[in-house]
Amino acid sequence: MDIVVDTSVIIAVVANEPEKESLIRATVGADLLAPTSCHWEVGNAFSAMLRRRRITLAQARQAIETYQRIPLRFINVDLVEALELADRLGIYAYDAYVISCSLSQRCALISLDQGLVSAAQAAGAKVVEVTA
């Protein structure tokens, strides 16, 4: 089974957020997919944590090493299709990339971002529910 993961899921797992265990349970045995943009979003998330002094540079490096060990298959999405989704759903392109990835690969997505989850459902994508 394939599941598309967004950056919120990756960061929660790598940063040992409270949702980590439920996310691992929800994805165990699945092949994890992500749009290629995810790689840069992860870097951006860690840079934001650095700016806010939530983590140190050493912690960010360690987190990136952990991220790089996650077996993700990166998927190129059709930029025009994603922008059409963004326009139709009133969402940012980054969220549209995740939804487009899910739709093109015909698999569910998982996210901690409820706005993304709602938009994905409105687009007809399947969503994996995260339970505590």
C-alpha atoms as a PDB file:
ATOM      1  CA  MET A   1       0.000   0.000   0.000  1.00  0.00           C
ATOM      2  CA  ASP A   2       1.273   3.477  -0.874  1.00  0.00           C
ATOM      3  CA  ILE A   3       0.619   6.549   1.294  1.00  0.00           C
ATOM      4  CA  VAL A   4       1.556  10.133   0.439  1.00  0.00           C
ATOM      5  CA  VAL A   5       3.024  11.974   3.414  1.00  0.00           C
ATOM      6  CA  ASP A   6       3.288  15.711   3.783  1.00  0.00           C
ATOM      7  CA  THR A   7       5.902  17.729   5.609  1.00  0.00           C
ATOM      8  CA  SER A   8       3.846  17.969   8.809  1.00  0.00           C
ATOM      9  CA  VAL A   9       4.024  14.185   9.174  1.00  0.00           C
ATOM     10  CA  ILE A  10       7.753  14.018   8.516  1.00  0.00           C
ATOM     11  CA  ILE A  11       8.537  16.832  10.952  1.00  0.00           C
ATOM     12  CA  ALA A  12       6.325  15.299  13.658  1.00  0.00           C
ATOM     13  CA  VAL A  13       8.138  11.976  13.372  1.00  0.00           C
ATOM     14  CA  VAL A  14      11.655  13.389  13.095  1.00  0.00           C
ATOM     15  CA  ALA A  15      11.125  15.921  15.895  1.00  0.00           C
ATOM     16  CA  ASN A  16       9.473  13.363  18.211  1.00  0.00           C
ATOM     17  CA  GLU A  17       6.227  15.320  18.393  1.00  0.00           C
ATOM     18  CA  PRO A  18       3.325  13.805  20.411  1.00  0.00           C
ATOM     19  CA  GLU A  19       1.688  12.448  17.224  1.00  0.00           C
ATOM     20  CA  LYS A  20       4.758  10.401  16.269  1.00  0.00           C
ATOM     21  CA  GLU A  21       3.538   7.010  17.508  1.00  0.00           C
ATOM     22  CA  SER A  22       0.086   7.309  15.938  1.00  0.00           C
ATOM     23  CA  LEU A  23       1.669   8.375  12.625  1.00  0.00           C
ATOM     24  CA  ILE A  24       4.005   5.395  12.668  1.00  0.00           C
ATOM     25  CA  ARG A  25       1.083   3.057  13.447  1.00  0.00           C
ATOM     26  CA  ALA A  26      -0.943   4.554  10.588  1.00  0.00           C
ATOM     27  CA  THR A  27       1.861   4.057   8.062  1.00  0.00           C
ATOM     28  CA  VAL A  28       3.479   0.794   9.184  1.00  0.00           C
ATOM     29  CA  GLY A  29       3.960  -1.515   6.220  1.00  0.00           C
ATOM     30  CA  ALA A  30       3.184   1.222   3.691  1.00  0.00           C
ATOM     31  CA  ASP A  31       5.449   2.588   0.992  1.00  0.00           C
ATOM     32  CA  LEU A  32       5.795   6.311   1.671  1.00  0.00           C
ATOM     33  CA  LEU A  33       5.540   8.759  -1.208  1.00  0.00           C
ATOM     34  CA  ALA A  34       5.961  12.524  -1.275  1.00  0.00           C
ATOM     35  CA  PRO A  35       6.067  15.214  -3.931  1.00  0.00           C
ATOM     36  CA  THR A  36       9.612  16.303  -4.745  1.00  0.00           C
ATOM     37  CA  SER A  37       8.843  19.666  -3.133  1.00  0.00           C
ATOM     38  CA  CYS A  38       8.746  17.919   0.248  1.00  0.00           C
ATOM     39  CA  HIS A  39      12.531  17.805   0.371  1.00  0.00           C
ATOM     40  CA  TRP A  40      12.726  21.609   0.288  1.00  0.00           C
ATOM     41  CA  GLU A  41       9.778  22.050   2.632  1.00  0.00           C
ATOM     42  CA  VAL A  42      11.562  19.971   5.252  1.00  0.00           C
ATOM     43  CA  GLY A  43      14.600  22.248   4.966  1.00  0.00           C
ATOM     44  CA  ASN A  44      12.348  25.274   5.277  1.00  0.00           C
ATOM     45  CA  ALA A  45      10.656  23.854   8.381  1.00  0.00           C
ATOM     46  CA  PHE A  46      13.995  23.331  10.090  1.00  0.00           C
ATOM     47  CA  SER A  47      15.178  26.802   9.097  1.00  0.00           C
ATOM     48  CA  ALA A  48      12.016  28.244  10.667  1.00  0.00           C
ATOM     49  CA  MET A  49      12.730  26.291  13.858  1.00  0.00           C
ATOM     50  CA  LEU A  50      16.262  27.704  13.860  1.00  0.00           C
ATOM     51  CA  ARG A  51      14.968  31.274  13.440  1.00  0.00           C
ATOM     52  CA  ARG A  52      12.560  30.809  16.330  1.00  0.00           C
ATOM     53  CA  ARG A  53      15.340  29.264  18.430  1.00  0.00           C
ATOM     54  CA  ARG A  54      13.295  26.070  18.900  1.00  0.00           C
ATOM     55  CA  ILE A  55      16.327  23.997  17.863  1.00  0.00           C
ATOM     56  CA  THR A  56      20.058  24.437  17.503  1.00  0.00           C
ATOM     57  CA  LEU A  57      22.011  23.976  14.294  1.00  0.00           C
ATOM     58  CA  ALA A  58      23.387  20.701  15.676  1.00  0.00           C
ATOM     59  CA  GLN A  59      19.845  19.479  16.350  1.00  0.00           C
ATOM     60  CA  ALA A  60      18.769  20.532  12.845  1.00  0.00           C
ATOM     61  CA  ARG A  61      21.661  18.581  11.328  1.00  0.00           C
ATOM     62  CA  GLN A  62      20.730  15.509  13.347  1.00  0.00           C
ATOM     63  CA  ALA A  63      17.083  15.851  12.342  1.00  0.00           C
ATOM     64  CA  ILE A  64      18.037  16.107   8.663  1.00  0.00           C
ATOM     65  CA  GLU A  65      20.128  12.955   9.000  1.00  0.00           C
ATOM     66  CA  THR A  66      17.095  11.211  10.493  1.00  0.00           C
ATOM     67  CA  TYR A  67      14.876  12.559   7.704  1.00  0.00           C
ATOM     68  CA  GLN A  68      17.281  11.266   5.077  1.00  0.00           C
ATOM     69  CA  ARG A  69      16.923   7.738   6.489  1.00  0.00           C
ATOM     70  CA  ILE A  70      13.149   7.721   5.964  1.00  0.00           C
ATOM     71  CA  PRO A  71      12.452   5.572   2.899  1.00  0.00           C
ATOM     72  CA  LEU A  72      10.539   8.085   0.791  1.00  0.00           C
ATOM     73  CA  ARG A  73       9.831   7.740  -2.900  1.00  0.00           C
ATOM     74  CA  PHE A  74       9.704  11.210  -4.390  1.00  0.00           C
ATOM     75  CA  ILE A  75       7.106  11.837  -7.090  1.00  0.00           C
ATOM     76  CA  ASN A  76       7.184  14.604  -9.673  1.00  0.00           C
ATOM     77  CA  VAL A  77       3.784  16.230  -9.954  1.00  0.00           C
ATOM     78  CA  ASP A  78       2.319  18.046 -12.909  1.00  0.00           C
ATOM     79  CA  LEU A  79       2.769  21.729 -12.106  1.00  0.00           C
ATOM     80  CA  VAL A  80      -0.187  22.883 -14.198  1.00  0.00           C
ATOM     81  CA  GLU A  81      -2.488  20.299 -12.616  1.00  0.00           C
ATOM     82  CA  ALA A  82      -1.313  21.343  -9.163  1.00  0.00           C
ATOM     83  CA  LEU A  83      -1.894  25.026  -9.888  1.00  0.00           C
ATOM     84  CA  GLU A  84      -5.370  24.232 -11.186  1.00  0.00           C
ATOM     85  CA  LEU A  85      -6.064  22.423  -7.903  1.00  0.00           C
ATOM     86  CA  ALA A  86      -4.654  25.369  -5.951  1.00  0.00           C
ATOM     87  CA  ASP A  87      -6.928  27.758  -7.827  1.00  0.00           C
ATOM     88  CA  ARG A  88     -10.028  25.574  -7.550  1.00  0.00           C
ATOM     89  CA  LEU A  89      -9.543  24.813  -3.850  1.00  0.00           C
ATOM     90  CA  GLY A  90      -8.101  28.173  -2.770  1.00  0.00           C
ATOM     91  CA  ILE A  91      -4.954  26.594  -1.334  1.00  0.00           C
ATOM     92  CA  TYR A  92      -1.219  27.149  -1.583  1.00  0.00           C
ATOM     93  CA  ALA A  93       0.737  25.327  -4.260  1.00  0.00           C
ATOM     94  CA  TYR A  94       2.645  23.250  -1.693  1.00  0.00           C
ATOM     95  CA  ASP A  95      -0.618  21.726  -0.456  1.00  0.00           C
ATOM     96  CA  ALA A  96      -1.760  21.221  -4.030  1.00  0.00           C
ATOM     97  CA  TYR A  97       1.442  19.279  -4.762  1.00  0.00           C
ATOM     98  CA  VAL A  98       0.618  16.813  -1.989  1.00  0.00           C
ATOM     99  CA  ILE A  99      -2.972  16.408  -3.181  1.00  0.00           C
ATOM    100  CA  SER A 100      -1.880  16.099  -6.804  1.00  0.00           C
ATOM    101  CA  CYS A 101       0.626  13.436  -5.802  1.00  0.00           C
ATOM    102  CA  SER A 102      -2.097  11.494  -3.985  1.00  0.00           C
ATOM    103  CA  LEU A 103      -4.515  11.748  -6.914  1.00  0.00           C
ATOM    104  CA  SER A 104      -1.966  10.873  -9.601  1.00  0.00           C
ATOM    105  CA  GLN A 105      -0.672   7.870  -7.654  1.00  0.00           C
ATOM    106  CA  ARG A 106      -4.201   6.785  -6.698  1.00  0.00           C
ATOM    107  CA  CYS A 107      -3.361   6.439  -3.042  1.00  0.00           C
ATOM    108  CA  ALA A 108      -4.338   8.009   0.247  1.00  0.00           C
ATOM    109  CA  LEU A 109      -2.498  10.837   1.939  1.00  0.00           C
ATOM    110  CA  ILE A 110      -1.747  11.534   5.571  1.00  0.00           C
ATOM    111  CA  SER A 111      -1.273  14.946   7.119  1.00  0.00           C
ATOM    112  CA  LEU A 112      -1.561  16.722  10.448  1.00  0.00           C
ATOM    113  CA  ASP A 113      -2.655  19.876   8.610  1.00  0.00           C
ATOM    114  CA  GLN A 114      -6.447  19.887   8.841  1.00  0.00           C
ATOM    115  CA  GLY A 115      -6.748  22.502   6.095  1.00  0.00           C
ATOM    116  CA  LEU A 116      -4.834  20.195   3.754  1.00  0.00           C
ATOM    117  CA  VAL A 117      -6.947  17.220   4.827  1.00  0.00           C
ATOM    118  CA  SER A 118     -10.172  19.137   4.100  1.00  0.00           C
ATOM    119  CA  ALA A 119      -8.892  20.310   0.709  1.00  0.00           C
ATOM    120  CA  ALA A 120      -7.772  16.780  -0.166  1.00  0.00           C
ATOM    121  CA  GLN A 121     -11.205  15.401   0.653  1.00  0.00           C
ATOM    122  CA  ALA A 122     -12.837  18.149  -1.416  1.00  0.00           C
ATOM    123  CA  ALA A 123     -10.580  17.149  -4.339  1.00  0.00           C
ATOM    124  CA  GLY A 124     -11.643  13.522  -4.009  1.00  0.00           C
ATOM    125  CA  ALA A 125      -8.421  12.210  -2.476  1.00  0.00           C
ATOM    126  CA  LYS A 126      -8.511   9.493   0.161  1.00  0.00           C
ATOM    127  CA  VAL A 127      -7.159  10.487   3.577  1.00  0.00           C
ATOM    128  CA  VAL A 128      -5.660   8.300   6.296  1.00  0.00           C
ATOM    129  CA  GLU A 129      -7.108   9.331   9.625  1.00  0.00           C
ATOM    130  CA  VAL A 130      -4.621   9.882  12.437  1.00  0.00           C
ATOM    131  CA  THR A 131      -5.896   8.544  15.749  1.00  0.00           C
ATOM    132  CA  ALA A 132      -4.310   9.111  19.133  1.00  0.00           C
END
